[in-house]
PDB file of N, CA and C in Angstrom:
ATOM      1  N   MET A   1     -30.660 -17.593  -1.649  1.00  0.00           N
ATOM      2  CA  MET A   1     -29.287 -18.091  -1.819  1.00  0.00           C
ATOM      3  C   MET A   1     -28.620 -17.342  -2.866  1.00  0.00           C
ATOM      4  N   ARG A   2     -29.503 -17.145  -4.297  1.00  0.00           N
ATOM      5  CA  ARG A   2     -28.881 -16.864  -5.208  1.00  0.00           C
ATOM      6  C   ARG A   2     -28.597 -15.221  -5.093  1.00  0.00           C
ATOM      7  N   LYS A   3     -29.572 -14.790  -4.385  1.00  0.00           N
ATOM      8  CA  LYS A   3     -29.694 -13.269  -4.236  1.00  0.00           C
ATOM      9  C   LYS A   3     -28.613 -13.231  -3.144  1.00  0.00           C
ATOM     10  N   GLY A   4     -28.670 -13.793  -2.435  1.00  0.00           N
ATOM     11  CA  GLY A   4     -26.777 -13.532  -1.565  1.00  0.00           C
ATOM     12  C   GLY A   4     -25.867 -13.662  -1.961  1.00  0.00           C
ATOM     13  N   ILE A   5     -25.553 -14.597  -3.052  1.00  0.00           N
ATOM     14  CA  ILE A   5     -24.430 -14.775  -4.006  1.00  0.00           C
ATOM     15  C   ILE A   5     -24.208 -13.169  -5.085  1.00  0.00           C
ATOM     16  N   CYS A   6     -25.790 -12.716  -5.263  1.00  0.00           N
ATOM     17  CA  CYS A   6     -25.282 -12.015  -5.970  1.00  0.00           C
ATOM     18  C   CYS A   6     -24.843 -10.479  -5.172  1.00  0.00           C
ATOM     19  N   LEU A   7     -25.522 -10.668  -4.059  1.00  0.00           N
ATOM     20  CA  LEU A   7     -25.531  -8.897  -2.923  1.00  0.00           C
ATOM     21  C   LEU A   7     -23.801  -9.393  -2.651  1.00  0.00           C
ATOM     22  N   LEU A   8     -23.256 -10.408  -2.797  1.00  0.00           N
ATOM     23  CA  LEU A   8     -21.667 -10.467  -2.491  1.00  0.00           C
ATOM     24  C   LEU A   8     -20.890 -10.110  -3.443  1.00  0.00           C
ATOM     25  N   LEU A   9     -21.279 -10.520  -4.974  1.00  0.00           N
ATOM     26  CA  LEU A   9     -20.272 -10.345  -5.901  1.00  0.00           C
ATOM     27  C   LEU A   9     -20.245  -8.622  -5.699  1.00  0.00           C
ATOM     28  N   LEU A  10     -21.843  -8.220  -5.935  1.00  0.00           N
ATOM     29  CA  LEU A  10     -21.944  -6.404  -6.114  1.00  0.00           C
ATOM     30  C   LEU A  10     -20.924  -6.028  -4.958  1.00  0.00           C
ATOM     31  N   ALA A  11     -21.056  -6.718  -4.099  1.00  0.00           N
ATOM     32  CA  ALA A  11     -19.906  -5.681  -3.068  1.00  0.00           C
ATOM     33  C   ALA A  11     -18.894  -5.953  -3.258  1.00  0.00           C
ATOM     34  N   LEU A  12     -18.398  -6.987  -3.722  1.00  0.00           N
ATOM     35  CA  LEU A  12     -16.681  -7.201  -3.940  1.00  0.00           C
ATOM     36  C   LEU A  12     -16.181  -6.539  -5.231  1.00  0.00           C
ATOM     37  N   LEU A  13     -17.465  -5.991  -6.526  1.00  0.00           N
ATOM     38  CA  LEU A  13     -17.347  -5.627  -7.971  1.00  0.00           C
ATOM     39  C   LEU A  13     -15.739  -4.237  -7.152  1.00  0.00           C
ATOM     40  N   PRO A  14     -16.369  -2.912  -6.766  1.00  0.00           N
ATOM     41  CA  PRO A  14     -15.519  -2.437  -6.446  1.00  0.00           C
ATOM     42  C   PRO A  14     -14.119  -2.515  -6.058  1.00  0.00           C
ATOM     43  N   VAL A  15     -13.883  -3.884  -5.212  1.00  0.00           N
ATOM     44  CA  VAL A  15     -11.883  -3.969  -4.818  1.00  0.00           C
ATOM     45  C   VAL A  15     -11.631  -4.789  -5.944  1.00  0.00           C
ATOM     46  N   LEU A  16     -12.535  -5.494  -6.907  1.00  0.00           N
ATOM     47  CA  LEU A  16     -11.703  -6.760  -7.383  1.00  0.00           C
ATOM     48  C   LEU A  16     -11.297  -5.528  -8.712  1.00  0.00           C
ATOM     49  N   GLY A  17     -11.875  -4.713  -8.959  1.00  0.00           N
ATOM     50  CA  GLY A  17     -11.863  -3.861  -9.866  1.00  0.00           C
ATOM     51  C   GLY A  17     -11.206  -2.814  -9.950  1.00  0.00           C
ATOM     52  N   ALA A  18     -10.207  -2.628  -8.905  1.00  0.00           N
ATOM     53  CA  ALA A  18      -9.735  -1.202  -8.333  1.00  0.00           C
ATOM     54  C   ALA A  18      -8.707  -0.665  -9.162  1.00  0.00           C
ATOM     55  N   ASP A  19      -8.594   0.721  -9.015  1.00  0.00           N
ATOM     56  CA  ASP A  19      -7.311   1.410 -10.094  1.00  0.00           C
ATOM     57  C   ASP A  19      -6.806   2.084  -8.499  1.00  0.00           C
ATOM     58  N   ILE A  20      -5.579   1.382  -7.863  1.00  0.00           N
ATOM     59  CA  ILE A  20      -5.439   2.825  -7.123  1.00  0.00           C
ATOM     60  C   ILE A  20      -4.679   3.728  -7.442  1.00  0.00           C
ATOM     61  N   SER A  21      -4.213   3.463  -8.463  1.00  0.00           N
ATOM     62  CA  SER A  21      -3.498   5.200  -9.374  1.00  0.00           C
ATOM     63  C   SER A  21      -3.975   6.701  -8.583  1.00  0.00           C
ATOM     64  N   GLY A  22      -3.125   7.651  -8.001  1.00  0.00           N
ATOM     65  CA  GLY A  22      -3.348   8.075  -7.506  1.00  0.00           C
ATOM     66  C   GLY A  22      -2.574   8.496  -6.401  1.00  0.00           C
ATOM     67  N   ALA A  23      -2.790   9.395  -5.925  1.00  0.00           N
ATOM     68  CA  ALA A  23      -1.842  10.022  -4.479  1.00  0.00           C
ATOM     69  C   ALA A  23      -3.387   9.211  -3.005  1.00  0.00           C
ATOM     70  N   TRP A  24      -1.633   9.076  -2.294  1.00  0.00           N
ATOM     71  CA  TRP A  24      -2.468   8.535  -1.365  1.00  0.00           C
ATOM     72  C   TRP A  24      -1.826   9.169   0.464  1.00  0.00           C
ATOM     73  N   ASP A  25      -2.675   8.926   1.642  1.00  0.00           N
ATOM     74  CA  ASP A  25      -1.955   9.370   2.736  1.00  0.00           C
ATOM     75  C   ASP A  25      -1.870   7.978   3.682  1.00  0.00           C
ATOM     76  N   PHE A  26      -0.781   7.487   4.149  1.00  0.00           N
ATOM     77  CA  PHE A  26      -0.627   6.102   4.757  1.00  0.00           C
ATOM     78  C   PHE A  26      -0.075   6.852   6.720  1.00  0.00           C
ATOM     79  N   THR A  27      -0.576   6.222   7.353  1.00  0.00           N
ATOM     80  CA  THR A  27      -0.195   5.706   8.688  1.00  0.00           C
ATOM     81  C   THR A  27       0.592   4.558   8.787  1.00  0.00           C
ATOM     82  N   VAL A  28       1.750   4.800   9.295  1.00  0.00           N
ATOM     83  CA  VAL A  28       2.774   3.517   9.634  1.00  0.00           C
ATOM     84  C   VAL A  28       2.949   3.774  11.107  1.00  0.00           C
ATOM     85  N   ASN A  29       2.745   2.345  11.884  1.00  0.00           N
ATOM     86  CA  ASN A  29       2.829   1.917  13.268  1.00  0.00           C
ATOM     87  C   ASN A  29       3.775   0.801  13.317  1.00  0.00           C
ATOM     88  N   THR A  30       4.515   1.142  14.105  1.00  0.00           N
ATOM     89  CA  THR A  30       5.792   0.652  14.528  1.00  0.00           C
ATOM     90  C   THR A  30       6.117   0.253  16.077  1.00  0.00           C
ATOM     91  N   GLU A  31       6.855  -0.208  16.700  1.00  0.00           N
ATOM     92  CA  GLU A  31       7.464  -0.423  18.297  1.00  0.00           C
ATOM     93  C   GLU A  31       8.128   1.620  18.057  1.00  0.00           C
ATOM     94  N   ALA A  32       8.855   1.492  17.199  1.00  0.00           N
ATOM     95  CA  ALA A  32       9.751   2.973  17.158  1.00  0.00           C
ATOM     96  C   ALA A  32       8.921   4.311  16.732  1.00  0.00           C
ATOM     97  N   GLY A  33       7.488   4.099  16.656  1.00  0.00           N
ATOM     98  CA  GLY A  33       6.820   5.089  16.679  1.00  0.00           C
ATOM     99  C   GLY A  33       5.696   5.037  15.338  1.00  0.00           C
ATOM    100  N   THR A  34       5.404   6.625  15.098  1.00  0.00           N
ATOM    101  CA  THR A  34       4.228   6.673  14.226  1.00  0.00           C
ATOM    102  C   THR A  34       4.740   7.328  13.117  1.00  0.00           C
ATOM    103  N   GLY A  35       4.613   7.633  11.713  1.00  0.00           N
ATOM    104  CA  GLY A  35       4.793   7.756  10.726  1.00  0.00           C
ATOM    105  C   GLY A  35       3.572   8.539   9.547  1.00  0.00           C
ATOM    106  N   ASN A  36       4.043   9.425   8.550  1.00  0.00           N
ATOM    107  CA  ASN A  36       2.921   9.661   8.208  1.00  0.00           C
ATOM    108  C   ASN A  36       3.263   9.796   6.376  1.00  0.00           C
ATOM    109  N   PRO A  37       4.228   8.679   5.600  1.00  0.00           N
ATOM    110  CA  PRO A  37       4.193   8.844   4.473  1.00  0.00           C
ATOM    111  C   PRO A  37       3.521   9.312   3.433  1.00  0.00           C
ATOM    112  N   SER A  38       3.737  10.019   2.688  1.00  0.00           N
ATOM    113  CA  SER A  38       2.988  10.166   1.439  1.00  0.00           C
ATOM    114  C   SER A  38       3.016   8.826   0.245  1.00  0.00           C
ATOM    115  N   PHE A  39       2.591   8.503  -0.481  1.00  0.00           N
ATOM    116  CA  PHE A  39       2.935   7.793  -1.803  1.00  0.00           C
ATOM    117  C   PHE A  39       1.815   7.826  -3.169  1.00  0.00           C
ATOM    118  N   VAL A  40       2.378   8.017  -4.084  1.00  0.00           N
ATOM    119  CA  VAL A  40       1.563   8.535  -5.334  1.00  0.00           C
ATOM    120  C   VAL A  40       1.967   7.085  -6.489  1.00  0.00           C
ATOM    121  N   PHE A  41       0.628   6.424  -6.853  1.00  0.00           N
ATOM    122  CA  PHE A  41       0.599   5.385  -8.118  1.00  0.00           C
ATOM    123  C   PHE A  41       0.179   5.342  -8.904  1.00  0.00           C
ATOM    124  N   GLN A  42       1.112   4.484  -9.884  1.00  0.00           N
ATOM    125  CA  GLN A  42       0.354   4.469 -11.389  1.00  0.00           C
ATOM    126  C   GLN A  42      -0.076   3.358 -11.183  1.00  0.00           C
ATOM    127  N   GLN A  43      -0.930   2.685 -12.085  1.00  0.00           N
ATOM    128  CA  GLN A  43      -1.538   1.199 -12.154  1.00  0.00           C
ATOM    129  C   GLN A  43      -1.287   0.930 -13.573  1.00  0.00           C
ATOM    130  N   GLN A  44      -0.966  -0.029 -14.284  1.00  0.00           N
ATOM    131  CA  GLN A  44      -1.227  -0.320 -15.448  1.00  0.00           C
ATOM    132  C   GLN A  44      -1.355  -2.404 -15.446  1.00  0.00           C
ATOM    133  N   GLY A  45      -2.446  -1.969 -15.538  1.00  0.00           N
ATOM    134  CA  GLY A  45      -2.846  -3.702 -15.010  1.00  0.00           C
ATOM    135  C   GLY A  45      -2.569  -4.254 -14.046  1.00  0.00           C
ATOM    136  N   ASP A  46      -1.638  -5.125 -13.393  1.00  0.00           N
ATOM    137  CA  ASP A  46      -1.223  -5.686 -12.380  1.00  0.00           C
ATOM    138  C   ASP A  46      -0.154  -4.896 -11.783  1.00  0.00           C
ATOM    139  N   LYS A  47       0.622  -3.815 -12.605  1.00  0.00           N
ATOM    140  CA  LYS A  47       2.103  -3.433 -12.110  1.00  0.00           C
ATOM    141  C   LYS A  47       1.643  -2.421 -11.484  1.00  0.00           C
ATOM    142  N   LEU A  48       2.265  -1.972 -10.764  1.00  0.00           N
ATOM    143  CA  LEU A  48       2.560  -0.594  -9.667  1.00  0.00           C
ATOM    144  C   LEU A  48       4.280   0.024 -10.086  1.00  0.00           C
ATOM    145  N   THR A  49       3.939   1.443 -10.317  1.00  0.00           N
ATOM    146  CA  THR A  49       5.026   2.250 -10.245  1.00  0.00           C
ATOM    147  C   THR A  49       4.852   3.391  -9.485  1.00  0.00           C
ATOM    148  N   GLY A  50       5.227   4.300  -9.009  1.00  0.00           N
ATOM    149  CA  GLY A  50       5.168   5.752  -8.151  1.00  0.00           C
ATOM    150  C   GLY A  50       6.502   6.095  -7.916  1.00  0.00           C
ATOM    151  N   THR A  51       5.827   6.937  -6.409  1.00  0.00           N
ATOM    152  CA  THR A  51       7.131   7.627  -5.899  1.00  0.00           C
ATOM    153  C   THR A  51       6.325   7.553  -4.146  1.00  0.00           C
ATOM    154  N   TYR A  52       7.467   7.504  -3.094  1.00  0.00           N
ATOM    155  CA  TYR A  52       7.482   7.784  -1.592  1.00  0.00           C
ATOM    156  C   TYR A  52       8.017   8.993  -1.723  1.00  0.00           C
ATOM    157  N   LYS A  53       7.392   9.611  -0.220  1.00  0.00           N
ATOM    158  CA  LYS A  53       8.202  10.442   0.276  1.00  0.00           C
ATOM    159  C   LYS A  53       7.612  10.545   1.629  1.00  0.00           C
ATOM    160  N   GLY A  54       8.821  10.695   2.749  1.00  0.00           N
ATOM    161  CA  GLY A  54       8.470  10.131   4.461  1.00  0.00           C
ATOM    162  C   GLY A  54       9.997   9.961   4.699  1.00  0.00           C
ATOM    163  N   LEU A  55       9.930   9.866   5.811  1.00  0.00           N
ATOM    164  CA  LEU A  55      11.128   9.627   7.086  1.00  0.00           C
ATOM    165  C   LEU A  55      12.292   9.321   6.105  1.00  0.00           C
ATOM    166  N   LEU A  56      11.909   8.313   5.131  1.00  0.00           N
ATOM    167  CA  LEU A  56      13.244   7.776   4.610  1.00  0.00           C
ATOM    168  C   LEU A  56      13.479   8.396   3.134  1.00  0.00           C
ATOM    169  N   GLY A  57      13.112   9.840   2.992  1.00  0.00           N
ATOM    170  CA  GLY A  57      12.984  10.664   1.995  1.00  0.00           C
ATOM    171  C   GLY A  57      12.402  10.430   0.734  1.00  0.00           C
ATOM    172  N   GLU A  58      12.787  10.548  -0.363  1.00  0.00           N
ATOM    173  CA  GLU A  58      11.947  10.473  -1.453  1.00  0.00           C
ATOM    174  C   GLU A  58      12.553   9.198  -1.985  1.00  0.00           C
ATOM    175  N   ALA A  59      11.449   8.249  -3.292  1.00  0.00           N
ATOM    176  CA  ALA A  59      12.373   6.906  -3.601  1.00  0.00           C
ATOM    177  C   ALA A  59      11.324   6.822  -4.559  1.00  0.00           C
ATOM    178  N   LYS A  60      11.451   5.942  -5.163  1.00  0.00           N
ATOM    179  CA  LYS A  60      10.637   5.033  -6.461  1.00  0.00           C
ATOM    180  C   LYS A  60      10.234   3.768  -5.509  1.00  0.00           C
ATOM    181  N   VAL A  61       8.909   3.682  -6.357  1.00  0.00           N
ATOM    182  CA  VAL A  61       8.194   2.667  -5.800  1.00  0.00           C
ATOM    183  C   VAL A  61       7.529   1.285  -7.217  1.00  0.00           C
ATOM    184  N   THR A  62       8.064  -0.047  -6.557  1.00  0.00           N
ATOM    185  CA  THR A  62       7.722  -0.393  -7.647  1.00  0.00           C
ATOM    186  C   THR A  62       6.671  -1.710  -6.875  1.00  0.00           C
ATOM    187  N   GLY A  63       5.914  -2.455  -7.778  1.00  0.00           N
ATOM    188  CA  GLY A  63       4.714  -3.435  -7.379  1.00  0.00           C
ATOM    189  C   GLY A  63       4.070  -4.116  -8.147  1.00  0.00           C
ATOM    190  N   SER A  64       2.644  -4.581  -7.682  1.00  0.00           N
ATOM    191  CA  SER A  64       1.538  -5.256  -7.920  1.00  0.00           C
ATOM    192  C   SER A  64       0.528  -5.472  -7.457  1.00  0.00           C
ATOM    193  N   LEU A  65      -0.606  -5.452  -7.731  1.00  0.00           N
ATOM    194  CA  LEU A  65      -1.709  -5.661  -7.713  1.00  0.00           C
ATOM    195  C   LEU A  65      -2.797  -6.875  -7.979  1.00  0.00           C
ATOM    196  N   THR A  66      -2.926  -7.866  -7.407  1.00  0.00           N
ATOM    197  CA  THR A  66      -3.887  -8.847  -7.764  1.00  0.00           C
ATOM    198  C   THR A  66      -5.066  -9.097  -6.992  1.00  0.00           C
ATOM    199  N   GLY A  67      -6.025  -9.444  -7.803  1.00  0.00           N
ATOM    200  CA  GLY A  67      -7.371  -8.736  -6.616  1.00  0.00           C
ATOM    201  C   GLY A  67      -7.352  -7.784  -6.020  1.00  0.00           C
ATOM    202  N   ASP A  68      -7.504  -8.226  -4.779  1.00  0.00           N
ATOM    203  CA  ASP A  68      -7.934  -7.199  -3.247  1.00  0.00           C
ATOM    204  C   ASP A  68      -6.356  -7.401  -2.860  1.00  0.00           C
ATOM    205  N   LYS A  69      -5.470  -7.835  -3.300  1.00  0.00           N
ATOM    206  CA  LYS A  69      -4.062  -8.010  -2.913  1.00  0.00           C
ATOM    207  C   LYS A  69      -3.033  -6.738  -3.211  1.00  0.00           C
ATOM    208  N   VAL A  70      -2.416  -6.096  -2.511  1.00  0.00           N
ATOM    209  CA  VAL A  70      -1.240  -5.252  -3.370  1.00  0.00           C
ATOM    210  C   VAL A  70      -0.210  -5.579  -2.591  1.00  0.00           C
ATOM    211  N   ALA A  71       1.002  -5.183  -3.278  1.00  0.00           N
ATOM    212  CA  ALA A  71       2.736  -5.810  -2.029  1.00  0.00           C
ATOM    213  C   ALA A  71       3.037  -4.669  -3.494  1.00  0.00           C
ATOM    214  N   PHE A  72       3.818  -3.820  -2.461  1.00  0.00           N
ATOM    215  CA  PHE A  72       5.224  -2.711  -3.330  1.00  0.00           C
ATOM    216  C   PHE A  72       6.221  -2.794  -2.665  1.00  0.00           C
ATOM    217  N   SER A  73       7.314  -1.932  -2.903  1.00  0.00           N
ATOM    218  CA  SER A  73       8.455  -1.622  -2.047  1.00  0.00           C
ATOM    219  C   SER A  73       9.594  -0.446  -2.464  1.00  0.00           C
ATOM    220  N   LEU A  74      10.570  -0.153  -1.959  1.00  0.00           N
ATOM    221  CA  LEU A  74      11.038   0.717  -2.305  1.00  0.00           C
ATOM    222  C   LEU A  74      12.524   1.543  -1.702  1.00  0.00           C
ATOM    223  N   GLU A  75      13.675   1.864  -2.262  1.00  0.00           N
ATOM    224  CA  GLU A  75      14.983   1.249  -1.259  1.00  0.00           C
ATOM    225  C   GLU A  75      15.097   3.446  -0.986  1.00  0.00           C
ATOM    226  N   GLY A  76      15.003   3.002   0.782  1.00  0.00           N
ATOM    227  CA  GLY A  76      15.266   4.571   1.176  1.00  0.00           C
ATOM    228  C   GLY A  76      16.356   4.704   2.096  1.00  0.00           C
ATOM    229  N   GLN A  77      16.495   6.205   2.666  1.00  0.00           N
ATOM    230  CA  GLN A  77      17.579   6.004   3.629  1.00  0.00           C
ATOM    231  C   GLN A  77      17.426   6.314   4.693  1.00  0.00           C
ATOM    232  N   TYR A  78      17.695   5.810   5.863  1.00  0.00           N
ATOM    233  CA  TYR A  78      18.119   5.807   6.803  1.00  0.00           C
ATOM    234  C   TYR A  78      19.136   5.927   7.641  1.00  0.00           C
ATOM    235  N   GLY A  79      19.321   7.010   8.395  1.00  0.00           N
ATOM    236  CA  GLY A  79      20.494   6.844   9.119  1.00  0.00           C
ATOM    237  C   GLY A  79      21.652   7.110   8.139  1.00  0.00           C
ATOM    238  N   GLY A  80      22.472   7.498   6.904  1.00  0.00           N
ATOM    239  CA  GLY A  80      22.871   7.343   6.345  1.00  0.00           C
ATOM    240  C   GLY A  80      23.040   6.015   5.416  1.00  0.00           C
ATOM    241  N   GLU A  81      22.273   4.641   5.744  1.00  0.00           N
ATOM    242  CA  GLU A  81      22.260   3.708   5.026  1.00  0.00           C
ATOM    243  C   GLU A  81      20.831   3.307   4.258  1.00  0.00           C
ATOM    244  N   LYS A  82      21.232   2.873   3.093  1.00  0.00           N
ATOM    245  CA  LYS A  82      19.885   1.791   2.265  1.00  0.00           C
ATOM    246  C   LYS A  82      19.054   1.436   3.108  1.00  0.00           C
ATOM    247  N   ILE A  83      17.735   1.768   3.218  1.00  0.00           N
ATOM    248  CA  ILE A  83      17.000   0.408   3.864  1.00  0.00           C
ATOM    249  C   ILE A  83      15.910  -0.050   2.106  1.00  0.00           C
ATOM    250  N   LYS A  84      16.012  -1.077   2.576  1.00  0.00           N
ATOM    251  CA  LYS A  84      14.416  -1.614   1.792  1.00  0.00           C
ATOM    252  C   LYS A  84      13.146  -1.775   2.401  1.00  0.00           C
ATOM    253  N   VAL A  85      12.333  -1.170   2.076  1.00  0.00           N
ATOM    254  CA  VAL A  85      11.426  -1.782   3.128  1.00  0.00           C
ATOM    255  C   VAL A  85       9.783  -2.092   1.708  1.00  0.00           C
ATOM    256  N   GLU A  86       9.314  -2.662   2.396  1.00  0.00           N
ATOM    257  CA  GLU A  86       8.288  -3.681   1.662  1.00  0.00           C
ATOM    258  C   GLU A  86       6.542  -3.876   2.340  1.00  0.00           C
ATOM    259  N   TYR A  87       6.079  -3.418   1.866  1.00  0.00           N
ATOM    260  CA  TYR A  87       4.250  -3.110   2.272  1.00  0.00           C
ATOM    261  C   TYR A  87       3.662  -4.135   1.388  1.00  0.00           C
ATOM    262  N   THR A  88       2.749  -4.796   2.024  1.00  0.00           N
ATOM    263  CA  THR A  88       1.683  -5.722   1.845  1.00  0.00           C
ATOM    264  C   THR A  88       0.195  -5.410   2.298  1.00  0.00           C
ATOM    265  N   GLY A  89      -0.396  -5.605   1.383  1.00  0.00           N
ATOM    266  CA  GLY A  89      -2.031  -5.420   2.396  1.00  0.00           C
ATOM    267  C   GLY A  89      -3.038  -5.590   1.112  1.00  0.00           C
ATOM    268  N   THR A  90      -3.838  -5.273   1.613  1.00  0.00           N
ATOM    269  CA  THR A  90      -5.426  -5.378   1.581  1.00  0.00           C
ATOM    270  C   THR A  90      -6.159  -3.965   0.671  1.00  0.00           C
ATOM    271  N   ILE A  91      -6.590  -3.931  -0.394  1.00  0.00           N
ATOM    272  CA  ILE A  91      -7.356  -2.923  -0.889  1.00  0.00           C
ATOM    273  C   ILE A  91      -8.731  -3.140  -0.186  1.00  0.00           C
ATOM    274  N   GLU A  92      -9.259  -2.451   1.039  1.00  0.00           N
ATOM    275  CA  GLU A  92     -10.504  -2.289   1.694  1.00  0.00           C
ATOM    276  C   GLU A  92     -12.018  -1.708   0.900  1.00  0.00           C
ATOM    277  N   SER A  93     -11.523  -0.740  -0.031  1.00  0.00           N
ATOM    278  CA  SER A  93     -12.323   0.005  -1.033  1.00  0.00           C
ATOM    279  C   SER A  93     -11.413   0.569  -1.641  1.00  0.00           C
ATOM    280  N   PRO A  94     -12.240   1.451  -3.084  1.00  0.00           N
ATOM    281  CA  PRO A  94     -11.359   2.055  -3.852  1.00  0.00           C
ATOM    282  C   PRO A  94      -9.984   3.136  -3.741  1.00  0.00           C
ATOM    283  N   ALA A  95     -10.930   3.341  -2.103  1.00  0.00           N
ATOM    284  CA  ALA A  95      -9.813   4.863  -1.501  1.00  0.00           C
ATOM    285  C   ALA A  95      -9.752   4.408   0.301  1.00  0.00           C
ATOM    286  N   SER A  96      -9.274   3.137   0.192  1.00  0.00           N
ATOM    287  CA  SER A  96      -9.043   2.276   1.796  1.00  0.00           C
ATOM    288  C   SER A  96      -8.367   1.005   1.534  1.00  0.00           C
ATOM    289  N   MET A  97      -6.937   1.054   2.518  1.00  0.00           N
ATOM    290  CA  MET A  97      -5.915  -0.069   1.976  1.00  0.00           C
ATOM    291  C   MET A  97      -5.170  -0.358   3.454  1.00  0.00           C
ATOM    292  N   LYS A  98      -5.591  -1.423   3.333  1.00  0.00           N
ATOM    293  CA  LYS A  98      -4.101  -1.464   4.953  1.00  0.00           C
ATOM    294  C   LYS A  98      -3.379  -3.124   5.249  1.00  0.00           C
ATOM    295  N   GLY A  99      -2.381  -3.107   5.775  1.00  0.00           N
ATOM    296  CA  GLY A  99      -1.875  -4.117   5.842  1.00  0.00           C
ATOM    297  C   GLY A  99      -0.738  -4.254   6.709  1.00  0.00           C
ATOM    298  N   THR A 100       0.563  -4.467   6.282  1.00  0.00           N
ATOM    299  CA  THR A 100       2.003  -4.760   7.240  1.00  0.00           C
ATOM    300  C   THR A 100       2.629  -4.159   6.261  1.00  0.00           C
ATOM    301  N   VAL A 101       3.859  -3.909   7.086  1.00  0.00           N
ATOM    302  CA  VAL A 101       5.057  -3.227   6.465  1.00  0.00           C
ATOM    303  C   VAL A 101       6.174  -3.944   7.316  1.00  0.00           C
ATOM    304  N   ARG A 102       7.568  -4.268   6.160  1.00  0.00           N
ATOM    305  CA  ARG A 102       8.703  -4.910   6.911  1.00  0.00           C
ATOM    306  C   ARG A 102       9.617  -3.821   6.074  1.00  0.00           C
ATOM    307  N   PHE A 103      10.703  -3.498   7.333  1.00  0.00           N
ATOM    308  CA  PHE A 103      12.118  -2.576   7.076  1.00  0.00           C
ATOM    309  C   PHE A 103      13.280  -3.152   7.446  1.00  0.00           C
ATOM    310  N   ALA A 104      13.639  -3.916   6.239  1.00  0.00           N
ATOM    311  CA  ALA A 104      14.368  -5.120   6.498  1.00  0.00           C
ATOM    312  C   ALA A 104      15.124  -5.426   7.607  1.00  0.00           C
ATOM    313  N   ALA A 105      16.007  -5.311   8.193  1.00  0.00           N
ATOM    314  CA  ALA A 105      15.888  -6.172   9.404  1.00  0.00           C
ATOM    315  C   ALA A 105      15.758  -5.450  10.597  1.00  0.00           C
ATOM    316  N   LEU A 106      15.215  -4.065   9.921  1.00  0.00           N
ATOM    317  CA  LEU A 106      15.169  -3.399  11.826  1.00  0.00           C
ATOM    318  C   LEU A 106      13.291  -4.186  12.207  1.00  0.00           C
ATOM    319  N   GLY A 107      12.570  -4.005  11.607  1.00  0.00           N
ATOM    320  CA  GLY A 107      11.077  -4.748  11.784  1.00  0.00           C
ATOM    321  C   GLY A 107      10.209  -4.410  11.381  1.00  0.00           C
ATOM    322  N   GLU A 108       8.974  -4.354  11.556  1.00  0.00           N
ATOM    323  CA  GLU A 108       8.130  -4.132  11.307  1.00  0.00           C
ATOM    324  C   GLU A 108       7.108  -3.626  11.491  1.00  0.00           C
ATOM    325  N   GLY A 109       5.807  -3.503  11.301  1.00  0.00           N
ATOM    326  CA  GLY A 109       4.778  -2.934  11.632  1.00  0.00           C
ATOM    327  C   GLY A 109       3.576  -2.977  11.010  1.00  0.00           C
ATOM    328  N   THR A 110       2.449  -1.531  11.253  1.00  0.00           N
ATOM    329  CA  THR A 110       1.631  -1.761  10.123  1.00  0.00           C
ATOM    330  C   THR A 110       0.901  -0.254   9.678  1.00  0.00           C
ATOM    331  N   TRP A 111       0.094  -0.800   8.844  1.00  0.00           N
ATOM    332  CA  TRP A 111      -0.218   0.271   8.163  1.00  0.00           C
ATOM    333  C   TRP A 111      -2.042   0.568   7.526  1.00  0.00           C
ATOM    334  N   THR A 112      -2.369   1.680   7.160  1.00  0.00           N
ATOM    335  CA  THR A 112      -3.094   2.124   6.396  1.00  0.00           C
ATOM    336  C   THR A 112      -3.059   3.237   6.180  1.00  0.00           C
ATOM    337  N   ALA A 113      -4.316   3.407   5.014  1.00  0.00           N
ATOM    338  CA  ALA A 113      -4.286   4.389   3.961  1.00  0.00           C
ATOM    339  C   ALA A 113      -5.380   4.632   3.298  1.00  0.00           C
ATOM    340  N   LYS A 114      -5.627   5.915   2.715  1.00  0.00           N
ATOM    341  CA  LYS A 114      -6.634   6.706   2.682  1.00  0.00           C
ATOM    342  C   LYS A 114      -6.266   7.468   1.348  1.00  0.00           C
ATOM    343  N   LYS A 115      -6.859   7.112  -0.075  1.00  0.00           N
ATOM    344  CA  LYS A 115      -6.898   7.889  -1.160  1.00  0.00           C
ATOM    345  C   LYS A 115      -7.151   9.360  -1.009  1.00  0.00           C
ATOM    346  N   LYS A 116      -6.430  10.106  -0.865  1.00  0.00           N
ATOM    347  CA  LYS A 116      -6.532  11.769  -1.289  1.00  0.00           C
ATOM    348  C   LYS A 116      -7.723  12.463  -2.203  1.00  0.00           C
TER     349      LYS A 116
END
C-alpha cells in the first residue's frame, strides 16, 4: 500500500510543480473548424502572463495556475469586433495540456497544447 502511494506521488510531482513558461503550440477544435494558435507564457508562482498569436490577431494573455489546473484569457478581434476568449484546462505533463475554450457568445470548443 505504501509503495503504491509513493509511486502515485512521484508520478504527480512533475505536474504539481509544473512551470508552463515558454512557447506552446495549440490545436483548437470548434464546430466552425480547427485553428493552431501559438502562446508564449511567463509564470511567476500561480500568476500567468503572456502573448497569443492566431486567427484573432495578437493579444496579451493573463491567467492563473493552481496545481494542475490552468485558466487564462485574452481579448482578440473577430470580424472587427472585440471578443473575449477564456481557456481552462489541465496540465498533463510539463510539455502537454488540454482543456476547453469559450469564445464569448460565439461558442466553445476543446484544445490541446504541446510545449515547443
